Amino acid sequence: RGVVVDVDAVFAGEDDWYEQVARSRPPKDAPWYHVLVSDAAHTTYVAERNLEPDESGEPVRHPLIDRFFSGVRDGRYQVHQSAN
C-alpha cells in the first residue's frame, strides 16, 4: 500500500536499476510513479501497470506524508496549496 506523490511520463531511472529491480520488465515508455510506502520510511518507483487501487480506506502512514499533503478529505489526499 502507498500513496503517489509524483509521476514521470516515462521511466526516468537508471538502466542498471531497471535491469536489477524491474524484473517483470514493465514498459519504459509509459508512466512511472513515485510512491510513499505505508508503514515504512522508504519510497518506491512503480510502473503504471503495477499500480492497483486501495479500497481499504485506511490512511497511509509514512514519515513524509505531511510534506506532500495537508490531510485527507472524502478518502483523497489533499495536496498542499502553493502560496503563489
N, C-alpha and C. Protein backbone atom coordinates (compact mmCIF):
# COMPACT_ATOMS: atom_id res chain seq x y z
N ARG A 1 0.84 -1.18 0.00
CA ARG A 1 0.00 0.00 0.00
C ARG A 1 0.87 1.23 0.00
N GLY A 2 0.35 2.31 -0.57
CA GLY A 2 1.08 3.55 -0.59
C GLY A 2 0.25 4.65 -1.21
N VAL A 3 0.87 5.82 -1.34
CA VAL A 3 0.21 6.95 -1.97
C VAL A 3 1.19 7.59 -2.94
N VAL A 4 0.69 7.90 -4.15
CA VAL A 4 1.51 8.50 -5.20
C VAL A 4 1.78 9.97 -4.86
N VAL A 5 3.05 10.37 -5.00
CA VAL A 5 3.42 11.76 -4.74
C VAL A 5 3.99 12.46 -5.97
N ASP A 6 4.33 11.71 -7.01
CA ASP A 6 4.87 12.31 -8.23
C ASP A 6 4.78 11.28 -9.35
N VAL A 7 4.84 11.77 -10.58
CA VAL A 7 4.78 10.88 -11.73
C VAL A 7 5.77 11.34 -12.77
N ASP A 8 6.39 10.38 -13.44
CA ASP A 8 7.24 10.63 -14.59
C ASP A 8 6.50 10.08 -15.81
N ALA A 9 6.42 10.86 -16.88
CA ALA A 9 5.69 10.42 -18.08
C ALA A 9 6.27 9.14 -18.67
N VAL A 10 7.57 8.97 -18.51
CA VAL A 10 8.27 7.77 -18.95
C VAL A 10 9.29 7.42 -17.87
N PHE A 11 9.83 6.22 -17.91
CA PHE A 11 10.82 5.79 -16.94
C PHE A 11 11.98 6.78 -16.90
N ALA A 12 12.33 7.25 -15.70
CA ALA A 12 13.39 8.25 -15.54
C ALA A 12 14.52 7.73 -14.66
N GLY A 13 14.55 6.44 -14.42
CA GLY A 13 15.59 5.86 -13.58
C GLY A 13 16.81 5.44 -14.38
N GLU A 14 17.73 4.82 -13.67
CA GLU A 14 18.95 4.32 -14.29
C GLU A 14 18.70 2.96 -14.94
N ASP A 15 19.35 2.70 -16.06
CA ASP A 15 19.19 1.41 -16.73
C ASP A 15 19.63 0.24 -15.84
N ASP A 16 20.69 0.43 -15.06
CA ASP A 16 21.15 -0.63 -14.15
C ASP A 16 20.07 -0.99 -13.14
N TRP A 17 19.40 0.03 -12.58
CA TRP A 17 18.32 -0.20 -11.61
C TRP A 17 17.20 -0.99 -12.29
N TYR A 18 16.81 -0.58 -13.48
CA TYR A 18 15.73 -1.25 -14.21
C TYR A 18 16.08 -2.73 -14.42
N GLU A 19 17.30 -3.00 -14.84
CA GLU A 19 17.71 -4.38 -15.10
C GLU A 19 17.71 -5.23 -13.84
N GLN A 20 18.08 -4.64 -12.70
CA GLN A 20 18.18 -5.39 -11.45
C GLN A 20 16.86 -5.49 -10.70
N VAL A 21 16.05 -4.45 -10.74
CA VAL A 21 14.86 -4.38 -9.88
C VAL A 21 13.56 -4.65 -10.64
N ALA A 22 13.42 -4.14 -11.82
CA ALA A 22 12.16 -4.25 -12.57
C ALA A 22 12.11 -5.58 -13.32
N ARG A 23 12.01 -6.65 -12.58
CA ARG A 23 12.11 -8.00 -13.15
C ARG A 23 10.97 -8.35 -14.10
N SER A 24 9.79 -7.74 -13.93
CA SER A 24 8.68 -8.03 -14.83
C SER A 24 8.79 -7.24 -16.14
N ARG A 25 9.81 -6.41 -16.23
CA ARG A 25 10.11 -5.59 -17.41
C ARG A 25 8.92 -4.74 -17.88
N PRO A 26 8.38 -3.91 -16.99
CA PRO A 26 7.30 -3.02 -17.42
C PRO A 26 7.83 -2.03 -18.45
N PRO A 27 6.97 -1.52 -19.30
CA PRO A 27 7.43 -0.63 -20.36
C PRO A 27 8.05 0.66 -19.81
N LYS A 28 9.13 1.07 -20.44
CA LYS A 28 9.79 2.31 -20.05
C LYS A 28 9.10 3.53 -20.65
N ASP A 29 8.30 3.33 -21.70
CA ASP A 29 7.67 4.46 -22.38
C ASP A 29 6.25 4.75 -21.87
N ALA A 30 5.92 4.26 -20.69
CA ALA A 30 4.64 4.52 -20.03
C ALA A 30 4.94 5.19 -18.69
N PRO A 31 3.93 5.77 -18.04
CA PRO A 31 4.18 6.48 -16.77
C PRO A 31 4.73 5.57 -15.66
N TRP A 32 5.58 6.19 -14.83
CA TRP A 32 6.14 5.57 -13.62
C TRP A 32 5.85 6.51 -12.47
N TYR A 33 5.55 5.96 -11.28
CA TYR A 33 5.08 6.75 -10.15
C TYR A 33 6.01 6.64 -8.95
N HIS A 34 6.19 7.77 -8.26
CA HIS A 34 6.93 7.82 -7.00
C HIS A 34 5.89 7.64 -5.88
N VAL A 35 6.08 6.64 -5.05
CA VAL A 35 5.07 6.25 -4.06
C VAL A 35 5.67 6.22 -2.66
N LEU A 36 4.96 6.83 -1.69
CA LEU A 36 5.30 6.68 -0.28
C LEU A 36 4.72 5.34 0.17
N VAL A 37 5.56 4.48 0.71
CA VAL A 37 5.13 3.15 1.13
C VAL A 37 4.59 3.21 2.55
N SER A 38 3.37 2.72 2.75
CA SER A 38 2.74 2.75 4.06
C SER A 38 3.50 1.89 5.07
N ASP A 39 3.56 2.39 6.30
CA ASP A 39 4.22 1.70 7.41
C ASP A 39 5.71 1.46 7.14
N ALA A 40 6.32 2.37 6.38
CA ALA A 40 7.75 2.27 6.07
C ALA A 40 8.31 3.69 5.98
N ALA A 41 9.61 3.79 5.91
CA ALA A 41 10.26 5.09 5.79
C ALA A 41 10.80 5.31 4.39
N HIS A 42 10.62 4.34 3.50
CA HIS A 42 11.17 4.49 2.16
C HIS A 42 10.08 4.80 1.14
N THR A 43 10.53 5.18 -0.05
CA THR A 43 9.63 5.37 -1.19
C THR A 43 9.94 4.27 -2.19
N THR A 44 9.09 4.16 -3.19
CA THR A 44 9.35 3.21 -4.25
C THR A 44 8.98 3.85 -5.58
N TYR A 45 9.45 3.26 -6.65
CA TYR A 45 9.23 3.74 -8.01
C TYR A 45 8.50 2.61 -8.73
N VAL A 46 7.28 2.89 -9.20
CA VAL A 46 6.40 1.83 -9.69
C VAL A 46 5.88 2.16 -11.08
N ALA A 47 5.94 1.19 -11.96
CA ALA A 47 5.36 1.33 -13.29
C ALA A 47 3.84 1.38 -13.18
N GLU A 48 3.22 2.15 -14.05
CA GLU A 48 1.76 2.30 -14.01
C GLU A 48 1.04 0.96 -14.04
N ARG A 49 1.53 0.04 -14.84
CA ARG A 49 0.81 -1.24 -14.96
C ARG A 49 0.85 -2.05 -13.66
N ASN A 50 1.71 -1.69 -12.72
CA ASN A 50 1.80 -2.42 -11.46
C ASN A 50 1.02 -1.76 -10.33
N LEU A 51 0.36 -0.65 -10.59
CA LEU A 51 -0.45 0.00 -9.56
C LEU A 51 -1.85 -0.60 -9.51
N GLU A 52 -2.38 -0.69 -8.30
CA GLU A 52 -3.75 -1.15 -8.10
C GLU A 52 -4.41 -0.20 -7.10
N PRO A 53 -5.70 0.05 -7.24
CA PRO A 53 -6.37 0.92 -6.27
C PRO A 53 -6.46 0.24 -4.90
N ASP A 54 -6.38 1.06 -3.87
CA ASP A 54 -6.52 0.57 -2.49
C ASP A 54 -7.93 0.91 -2.03
N GLU A 55 -8.73 -0.09 -1.84
CA GLU A 55 -10.12 0.11 -1.44
C GLU A 55 -10.32 0.05 0.07
N SER A 56 -9.23 -0.07 0.82
CA SER A 56 -9.35 -0.27 2.27
C SER A 56 -9.87 0.95 3.01
N GLY A 57 -9.58 2.14 2.48
CA GLY A 57 -9.98 3.35 3.19
C GLY A 57 -9.06 3.70 4.35
N GLU A 58 -8.06 2.89 4.60
CA GLU A 58 -7.11 3.13 5.69
C GLU A 58 -6.08 4.17 5.26
N PRO A 59 -5.69 5.06 6.17
CA PRO A 59 -4.68 6.06 5.80
C PRO A 59 -3.30 5.42 5.62
N VAL A 60 -2.52 6.03 4.78
CA VAL A 60 -1.14 5.61 4.60
C VAL A 60 -0.32 6.28 5.69
N ARG A 61 0.49 5.50 6.36
CA ARG A 61 1.37 6.04 7.41
C ARG A 61 2.79 6.04 6.89
N HIS A 62 3.34 7.25 6.76
CA HIS A 62 4.69 7.42 6.24
C HIS A 62 5.25 8.72 6.82
N PRO A 63 6.53 8.76 7.18
CA PRO A 63 7.09 9.96 7.81
C PRO A 63 7.07 11.21 6.92
N LEU A 64 6.93 11.06 5.61
CA LEU A 64 6.92 12.22 4.71
C LEU A 64 5.52 12.65 4.28
N ILE A 65 4.50 12.02 4.80
CA ILE A 65 3.13 12.30 4.34
C ILE A 65 2.76 13.78 4.50
N ASP A 66 3.18 14.39 5.60
CA ASP A 66 2.85 15.80 5.83
C ASP A 66 3.62 16.75 4.92
N ARG A 67 4.70 16.30 4.34
CA ARG A 67 5.45 17.13 3.41
C ARG A 67 4.66 17.34 2.11
N PHE A 68 3.88 16.35 1.74
CA PHE A 68 3.17 16.40 0.46
C PHE A 68 1.68 16.74 0.59
N PHE A 69 1.08 16.39 1.72
CA PHE A 69 -0.36 16.50 1.84
C PHE A 69 -0.78 17.24 3.11
N SER A 70 -1.90 17.97 3.01
CA SER A 70 -2.42 18.70 4.17
C SER A 70 -3.45 17.90 4.94
N GLY A 71 -3.91 16.79 4.38
CA GLY A 71 -4.90 15.95 5.06
C GLY A 71 -5.61 15.06 4.05
N VAL A 72 -6.67 14.42 4.53
CA VAL A 72 -7.48 13.53 3.70
C VAL A 72 -8.91 14.02 3.75
N ARG A 73 -9.56 14.13 2.58
CA ARG A 73 -10.96 14.51 2.51
C ARG A 73 -11.67 13.56 1.55
N ASP A 74 -12.75 12.97 2.01
CA ASP A 74 -13.52 12.02 1.20
C ASP A 74 -12.64 10.92 0.62
N GLY A 75 -11.68 10.45 1.43
CA GLY A 75 -10.82 9.36 1.01
C GLY A 75 -9.70 9.74 0.06
N ARG A 76 -9.53 11.04 -0.19
CA ARG A 76 -8.48 11.51 -1.11
C ARG A 76 -7.51 12.42 -0.38
N TYR A 77 -6.22 12.22 -0.63
CA TYR A 77 -5.21 13.07 -0.04
C TYR A 77 -5.27 14.45 -0.67
N GLN A 78 -5.18 15.47 0.17
CA GLN A 78 -5.23 16.85 -0.30
C GLN A 78 -3.81 17.41 -0.39
N VAL A 79 -3.40 17.77 -1.59
CA VAL A 79 -2.07 18.31 -1.83
C VAL A 79 -1.98 19.70 -1.22
N HIS A 80 -0.83 20.01 -0.60
CA HIS A 80 -0.62 21.36 -0.08
C HIS A 80 -0.83 22.38 -1.19
N GLN A 81 -1.51 23.45 -0.87
CA GLN A 81 -1.72 24.52 -1.84
C GLN A 81 -0.49 25.41 -1.87
N SER A 82 -0.05 25.79 -3.08
CA SER A 82 1.11 26.67 -3.18
C SER A 82 0.71 28.09 -2.84
N ALA A 83 1.68 28.88 -2.41
CA ALA A 83 1.42 30.25 -1.98
C ALA A 83 1.29 31.22 -3.16
N ASN A 84 1.72 30.84 -4.36
CA ASN A 84 1.65 31.77 -5.49
C ASN A 84 0.58 31.43 -6.43
